[in-house]
Protein backbone atom coordinates (compact mmCIF):
# COMPACT_ATOMS: atom_id res chain seq x y z
CA MET A 1 0.00 0.00 0.00
CA ALA A 2 1.39 3.40 -0.99
CA VAL A 3 0.03 6.87 -0.26
CA THR A 4 1.00 9.73 -2.57
CA SER A 5 0.83 13.50 -2.37
CA LEU A 6 2.26 16.47 -4.28
CA TRP A 7 2.40 20.18 -3.52
CA HIS A 8 4.06 23.28 -4.92
CA VAL A 9 7.03 25.00 -3.27
CA LYS A 10 6.75 28.77 -2.86
CA GLY A 11 9.74 31.05 -2.63
CA SER A 12 12.17 32.84 -4.89
CA ILE A 13 15.26 32.08 -6.91
CA LYS A 14 17.19 34.18 -4.38
CA ASP A 15 16.19 31.71 -1.64
CA VAL A 16 17.64 28.84 -3.66
CA ILE A 17 20.84 30.72 -4.50
CA ASP A 18 21.31 31.70 -0.84
CA TYR A 19 20.88 28.07 0.15
CA ILE A 20 23.43 26.88 -2.40
CA GLU A 21 26.00 29.47 -1.29
CA ASN A 22 25.50 29.09 2.46
CA PRO A 23 22.95 26.47 3.58
CA GLU A 24 23.83 26.88 7.29
CA LYS A 25 22.68 30.53 7.31
CA THR A 26 19.60 30.09 5.13
CA VAL A 27 16.29 30.32 7.03
CA PRO A 28 13.58 29.34 4.52
CA ASN A 29 9.85 29.02 5.07
CA GLU A 30 8.38 25.65 6.05
CA ASP A 31 7.76 24.37 2.52
CA MET A 32 11.21 25.52 1.41
CA GLN A 33 12.79 23.77 4.37
CA ASP A 34 11.27 20.43 3.35
CA PHE A 35 12.39 21.08 -0.21
CA PHE A 36 15.98 21.89 0.79
CA ASP A 37 16.13 18.89 3.12
CA VAL A 38 15.88 16.56 0.14
CA PHE A 39 18.92 18.14 -1.48
CA SER A 40 20.84 18.16 1.80
CA TYR A 41 20.80 14.34 1.73
CA VAL A 42 23.36 14.52 -1.07
CA LYS A 43 25.75 16.30 1.34
CA ASN A 44 24.52 14.70 4.58
CA PRO A 45 23.16 11.30 3.58
CA SER A 46 22.67 9.67 7.00
CA LYS A 47 18.98 9.10 6.29
CA THR A 48 19.56 7.44 2.93
CA ASN A 49 22.25 4.86 3.71
CA GLU A 50 25.16 7.15 2.82
CA GLY A 51 23.51 8.40 -0.36
CA GLU A 52 22.77 4.97 -1.81
CA TYR A 53 19.06 5.83 -2.11
CA VAL A 54 19.32 9.27 -3.70
CA SER A 55 18.95 9.37 -7.49
CA ALA A 56 18.65 12.09 -10.12
CA ILE A 57 16.74 12.11 -13.39
CA ASN A 58 17.73 14.50 -16.21
CA CYS A 59 20.37 16.13 -13.98
CA LEU A 60 23.31 15.36 -11.67
CA LYS A 61 22.31 14.98 -8.02
CA GLU A 62 25.39 16.90 -6.83
CA THR A 63 24.44 19.98 -8.89
CA ALA A 64 20.68 19.50 -9.29
CA LEU A 65 19.69 22.86 -7.77
CA GLN A 66 22.18 24.77 -9.91
CA GLN A 67 20.89 23.05 -13.05
CA MET A 68 17.30 23.88 -12.13
CA ILE A 69 18.23 27.56 -11.75
CA LEU A 70 19.94 27.56 -15.13
CA THR A 71 16.83 26.07 -16.73
CA LYS A 72 14.64 28.79 -15.23
CA LYS A 73 16.99 31.54 -16.38
CA GLN A 74 17.31 30.02 -19.85
CA TYR A 75 13.55 30.26 -20.41
CA GLN A 76 13.19 33.47 -18.35
CA LYS A 77 10.74 31.84 -15.96
CA THR A 78 12.16 32.65 -12.55
CA GLY A 79 8.84 33.69 -10.96
CA GLY A 80 5.95 31.71 -9.57
CA TYR A 81 6.42 28.33 -7.94
CA ILE A 82 10.04 27.26 -7.54
CA ALA A 83 9.46 23.52 -7.73
CA TRP A 84 7.16 20.64 -6.86
CA HIS A 85 7.66 18.39 -3.88
CA GLY A 86 5.87 15.12 -3.22
CA TYR A 87 6.12 11.81 -1.44
CA GLN A 88 5.16 8.16 -1.81
CA SER A 89 4.77 6.45 1.54
CA PHE A 90 4.50 2.68 2.04
CA LYS A 91 2.94 0.51 4.70
CA PRO A 92 5.43 -0.47 7.45
CA ASP A 93 7.43 -3.65 6.74
CA GLU A 94 5.86 -4.09 3.30
CA VAL A 95 8.85 -3.15 1.12
CA THR A 96 12.61 -3.29 1.32
CA PRO A 97 14.70 -0.12 0.85
CA GLU A 98 15.77 -1.35 -2.58
CA GLN A 99 12.17 -1.98 -3.67
CA CYS A 100 11.01 1.36 -2.26
CA HIS A 101 13.63 3.31 -4.18
CA GLU A 102 13.12 1.29 -7.35
CA ILE A 103 9.36 1.92 -7.31
CA GLY A 104 9.94 5.60 -6.60
CA LEU A 105 12.27 5.93 -9.59
CA LYS A 106 9.80 4.20 -11.89
CA LEU A 107 7.01 6.46 -10.67
CA ALA A 108 9.08 9.62 -11.17
CA ARG A 109 10.23 8.62 -14.67
CA GLU A 110 6.71 7.81 -15.81
CA MET A 111 5.14 10.93 -14.30
CA TRP A 112 7.72 13.64 -14.98
CA GLY A 113 10.84 12.07 -16.48
CA ASP A 114 10.14 13.13 -20.06
CA LYS A 115 10.46 16.89 -19.36
CA TYR A 116 11.63 17.75 -15.85
CA GLN A 117 14.75 17.57 -13.67
CA ILE A 118 14.04 15.36 -10.68
CA ILE A 119 15.63 14.22 -7.43
CA VAL A 120 14.31 11.02 -5.80
CA ALA A 121 15.35 10.37 -2.17
CA THR A 122 14.25 7.35 -0.13
CA HIS A 123 14.01 7.82 3.64
CA LEU A 124 14.98 4.96 5.92
CA ASP A 125 14.81 6.75 9.29
CA LYS A 126 11.08 6.34 9.98
CA GLY A 127 8.89 3.36 10.82
CA HIS A 128 7.63 3.39 7.25
CA LEU A 129 9.80 3.68 4.14
CA HIS A 130 8.90 6.54 1.83
CA ASN A 131 10.18 8.35 -1.23
CA HIS A 132 10.52 12.11 -1.67
CA PHE A 133 10.29 13.67 -5.13
CA CYS A 134 11.54 17.17 -5.92
CA PHE A 135 11.40 18.42 -9.50
CA ASN A 136 11.77 21.70 -11.32
CA SER A 137 8.58 23.62 -12.08
CA VAL A 138 10.05 24.52 -15.51
CA SER A 139 10.76 21.92 -18.18
CA TYR A 140 14.38 21.72 -19.35
CA LEU A 141 13.06 20.51 -22.72
CA ASP A 142 10.69 23.29 -23.81
CA GLY A 143 10.35 25.70 -20.86
CA SER A 144 6.74 24.76 -20.11
CA LYS A 145 5.60 24.95 -16.47
CA TYR A 146 4.12 21.96 -14.74
CA ASN A 147 0.41 22.11 -13.90
CA TYR A 148 -0.84 19.80 -11.16
CA SER A 149 -4.46 19.38 -12.22
CA LYS A 150 -7.06 16.95 -10.90
CA SER A 151 -6.33 14.65 -13.83
CA GLU A 152 -2.62 14.68 -12.88
CA GLN A 153 -3.53 13.93 -9.28
CA LYS A 154 -5.57 10.96 -10.44
CA ARG A 155 -2.79 9.77 -12.76
CA LEU A 156 -0.23 9.94 -9.93
CA ARG A 157 -2.42 7.74 -7.74
CA GLU A 158 -3.15 5.30 -10.59
CA VAL A 159 0.51 4.92 -11.61
CA SER A 160 1.53 4.36 -7.98
CA ASP A 161 -1.21 1.76 -7.49
CA ARG A 162 -0.27 -0.06 -10.69
CA LEU A 163 3.38 -0.24 -9.63
CA CYS A 164 2.34 -1.56 -6.21
CA ARG A 165 0.33 -4.33 -7.85
CA GLU A 166 3.28 -5.21 -10.08
CA TYR A 167 5.36 -5.70 -6.92
CA SER A 168 2.51 -7.63 -5.19
CA LEU A 169 1.94 -4.87 -2.65
CA SER A 170 -1.40 -3.91 -1.14
CA VAL A 171 -3.44 -1.04 -2.62
CA ILE A 172 -6.02 1.26 -1.01
CA GLU A 173 -9.23 0.40 -2.85
CA ASN A 174 -11.43 3.23 -1.54
CA PRO A 175 -9.10 6.16 -0.79
CA LYS A 176 -10.36 9.13 1.22
CA LYS A 177 -9.73 12.66 0.09
CA ALA A 178 -6.53 13.95 1.66
CA PRO A 179 -6.41 17.45 3.17
CA THR A 180 -4.34 20.19 1.59
CA ARG A 181 -0.77 20.46 2.86
CA PRO A 182 -1.33 23.76 4.77
CA LEU A 183 -4.37 22.22 6.42
CA TYR A 184 -2.44 19.03 7.17
CA LEU A 185 0.36 21.02 8.85
CA ASP A 186 -2.14 23.05 10.89
CA GLU A 187 -3.97 19.87 11.89
CA LYS A 188 -0.69 18.28 12.93
CA SER A 189 0.29 21.29 15.04
CA GLY A 190 -3.10 21.39 16.78
CA LYS A 191 -4.24 24.75 15.42
CA PRO A 192 -8.03 25.38 15.47
CA THR A 193 -8.80 24.25 11.92
CA ARG A 194 -12.35 23.45 10.95
CA TYR A 195 -11.82 19.73 11.56
CA ASN A 196 -10.11 20.19 14.90
CA VAL A 197 -13.03 22.38 15.95
CA TYR A 198 -15.47 19.71 14.75
CA ARG A 199 -13.65 17.06 16.79
CA GLU A 200 -13.63 19.15 19.96
CA ASP A 201 -17.33 20.07 19.71
CA LEU A 202 -18.24 16.49 18.86
CA ARG A 203 -16.32 15.25 21.90
CA GLU A 204 -18.24 17.72 24.10
CA ALA A 205 -21.55 16.61 22.60
CA ILE A 206 -20.82 12.89 23.13
CA ASN A 207 -19.52 13.26 26.68
CA GLY A 208 -22.25 15.69 27.72
CA SER A 209 -25.24 13.74 26.37
CA ARG A 210 -26.84 10.65 27.85
CA ASP A 211 -28.86 9.85 24.71
CA LEU A 212 -28.62 10.40 20.98
CA GLN A 213 -31.49 12.91 20.82
CA HIS A 214 -29.77 15.27 23.26
CA MET A 215 -26.47 14.89 21.44
CA MET A 216 -28.17 15.98 18.21
CA LYS A 217 -29.75 18.94 20.03
CA TYR A 218 -26.39 19.83 21.59
CA LEU A 219 -24.74 20.09 18.15
CA THR A 220 -27.69 22.00 16.70
CA ASP A 221 -27.53 24.52 19.55
CA LYS A 222 -23.82 24.99 18.82
CA GLY A 223 -24.76 26.04 15.29
CA TYR A 224 -24.18 22.80 13.37
CA GLU A 225 -26.29 21.16 10.71
CA ILE A 226 -26.32 17.41 11.16
CA ASP A 227 -27.35 14.37 9.16
CA PHE A 228 -27.47 11.22 11.26
CA SER A 229 -29.31 9.11 8.69
CA GLY A 230 -27.67 6.09 7.11
CA SER A 231 -24.49 4.33 8.20
CA HIS A 232 -22.25 7.39 7.89
CA TRP A 233 -23.21 10.32 10.14
CA LYS A 234 -22.29 13.82 9.00
CA MET A 235 -22.11 17.37 10.31
CA LYS A 236 -21.22 20.85 9.07
CA LEU A 237 -21.43 24.52 9.93
CA PRO A 238 -23.96 26.44 7.82
CA GLN A 239 -21.19 28.51 6.21
CA TYR A 240 -19.86 25.43 4.41
CA ARG A 241 -21.39 23.80 1.41
CA HIS A 242 -20.53 20.16 2.08
CA PHE A 243 -21.06 17.89 5.07
CA THR A 244 -18.11 16.17 6.76
CA ARG A 245 -18.43 12.52 7.68
CA LEU A 246 -17.69 11.83 11.32
CA ASP A 247 -15.59 8.78 10.50
CA THR A 248 -13.27 10.97 8.41
CA LEU A 249 -12.59 13.07 11.52
CA ASP A 250 -11.71 9.85 13.35
CA GLU A 251 -12.18 6.38 11.89
CA ARG A 252 -13.54 5.17 15.23
CA LEU A 253 -16.56 7.52 15.05
CA THR A 254 -19.06 5.03 13.73
CA PRO A 255 -22.72 5.16 14.88
CA ASP A 256 -22.25 2.12 17.16
CA PHE A 257 -19.10 3.55 18.76
CA ILE A 258 -20.73 6.93 19.39
CA ARG A 259 -23.78 5.31 21.01
CA SER A 260 -21.51 3.27 23.29
CA CYS A 261 -19.63 6.42 24.43
CA LEU A 262 -22.62 8.66 25.16
CA GLY A 263 -22.71 10.26 28.59
CA GLY A 264 -19.03 9.90 29.42
CA ALA A 265 -19.11 13.06 31.59
CA SER A 266 -22.83 13.55 32.20
CA ARG A 267 -23.27 11.35 35.24
CA TYR A 268 -26.17 13.40 36.66
CA GLY A 269 -27.89 14.52 33.46
CA ASN A 270 -27.40 16.07 30.06
CA TYR A 271 -25.26 19.16 29.62
CA LYS A 272 -26.40 22.28 27.82
CA ALA A 273 -24.45 23.41 24.80
CA ARG A 274 -21.76 25.91 25.73
CA ILE A 275 -20.08 28.34 23.39
CA SER A 276 -16.29 28.59 23.65
CA TYR A 277 -14.30 31.58 22.47
CA SER A 278 -10.75 32.33 21.46
CA PRO A 279 -8.55 33.44 24.41
CA HIS A 280 -7.60 36.47 22.30
CA MET A 281 -11.19 37.80 22.15
CA PRO A 282 -11.91 40.76 24.47
CA GLU A 283 -14.19 39.89 27.38
CA GLN A 284 -16.89 42.40 26.39
CA TYR A 285 -17.37 40.62 23.06
CA LYS A 286 -17.63 37.16 24.59
CA ASN A 287 -20.94 38.15 26.17
CA ALA A 288 -22.34 39.74 23.00
CA TRP A 289 -24.29 36.61 22.12
CA LYS A 290 -25.47 33.79 24.33
CA PRO A 291 -27.42 30.75 23.17
CA HIS A 292 -31.15 30.72 23.90
CA GLN A 293 -31.11 34.38 25.03
CA LYS A 294 -32.48 37.40 23.21
CA THR A 295 -30.09 40.28 22.56
CA THR A 296 -31.26 43.47 24.33
CA GLY A 297 -30.06 46.97 25.18
CA ILE A 298 -27.54 49.03 23.24
CA LEU A 299 -26.21 45.99 21.36
CA ALA A 300 -29.70 45.17 20.06
CA LEU A 301 -30.10 48.82 18.94
CA TYR A 302 -26.72 48.66 17.21
CA TYR A 303 -27.73 45.49 15.34
CA HIS A 304 -31.05 47.13 14.38
CA TRP A 305 -29.39 50.15 12.77
CA CYS A 306 -26.77 47.98 11.03
CA TYR A 307 -29.70 46.15 9.48
CA GLN A 308 -31.55 49.35 8.54
CA LEU A 309 -28.44 50.94 7.01
CA GLY A 310 -27.67 47.87 4.93
CA ILE A 311 -24.48 46.91 6.76
CA PHE A 312 -26.18 43.61 7.52
CA PRO A 313 -27.81 42.50 4.23
CA LYS A 314 -31.55 41.98 4.45
CA GLY A 315 -33.10 38.60 3.90
CA THR A 316 -30.17 36.76 5.50
CA ASP A 317 -30.68 34.24 8.26
CA TYR A 318 -27.83 34.91 10.67
CA LYS A 319 -26.70 31.96 12.73
CA PRO A 320 -23.88 32.77 15.15
CA ALA A 321 -21.27 30.05 14.81
CA SER A 322 -18.45 30.55 17.24
CA PRO A 323 -16.59 27.39 16.12
CA LEU A 324 -16.01 29.01 12.73
CA MET A 325 -14.55 32.06 14.45
CA LYS A 326 -11.62 29.92 15.62
CA GLU A 327 -10.68 29.00 12.07
CA GLU A 328 -11.07 32.58 10.88
CA LEU A 329 -8.73 33.75 13.64
CA ARG A 330 -6.21 31.18 12.45
CA LYS A 331 -6.38 32.63 8.93
CA LEU A 332 -6.08 36.15 10.35
CA ASP A 333 -2.94 35.11 12.25
CA GLU A 334 -1.43 33.83 8.99
CA ILE A 335 -2.19 37.10 7.17
CA THR A 336 -0.82 39.15 10.08
CA ALA A 337 2.40 37.13 10.07
CA GLN A 338 2.79 37.67 6.32
CA VAL A 339 2.22 41.44 6.67
CA ARG A 340 4.74 41.70 9.52
CA TYR A 341 7.27 39.72 7.50
CA GLY A 342 6.82 42.08 4.55
CA VAL A 343 7.22 45.16 6.75
CA SER A 344 10.37 43.78 8.37
CA ILE A 345 11.95 43.30 4.96
């Protein structure tokens, strides 16, 4: 069984040149760091059995970055994405290092070997063997830029699966949609992404409800839309178009498992839904809206005039959804960090 993914690497040619000239003093962004790590295995190959499992296609591995820069300059395409970085990860103890690297090379040649300069590095330092692919965003053959479309994503998965079958390896028959890399990194770091918020609110609903009906009411009071029909239960905030299956948040969250866990913290009765807020929100705003209570006083007058003046569009059903606020604050933090970085430069 092999899992594949591919993402673009943002940065500038200057970042790459700085890294080549002095890698110890280069401080790239997170994506660039992963990208540079692959090339560092040529110089520091402890993770790849002293460089045995690092190979180059259409370039020399010792000078791959320099050759990629020359290709970009030759076709005057030094802007946009620097490169593409991906991986192919195998099930633990299913392949040998030799097989892993061999499959990775075949995959890279079939996918990108006709036009692009590629480095393939096989990692041996984890519990599961996996290949890293780094290739130039600009073709050395005709200067065209690589476009990772949905059809390319499908082809990558199909080629990888076919190679796994040729080597008698297992294949995922019904793959689930993988999150984007930024979302994956935020999920991994525990930031309040939409799915982390879903998991936390779902945990509260399960532990604070002694029966399924109250759990459904708990989630509805929090602002969620739910669909507990069929064998796959789903939930979403009204701002999103699509439902999210509970078993994609955690594979254990099947209907039977949820029923067996109800009431984990509600020994003396069901809990009422409680709204949680970001610790960065001023106290006066935390009390602006409370579930099941009508807004009164100066705040109600303010909302009324916002509605009359057209600041709040008419004909819109407003549903306060504090869980979404957490994700929006995460996005705001990212934008703030980018602005501060730009000012510091």
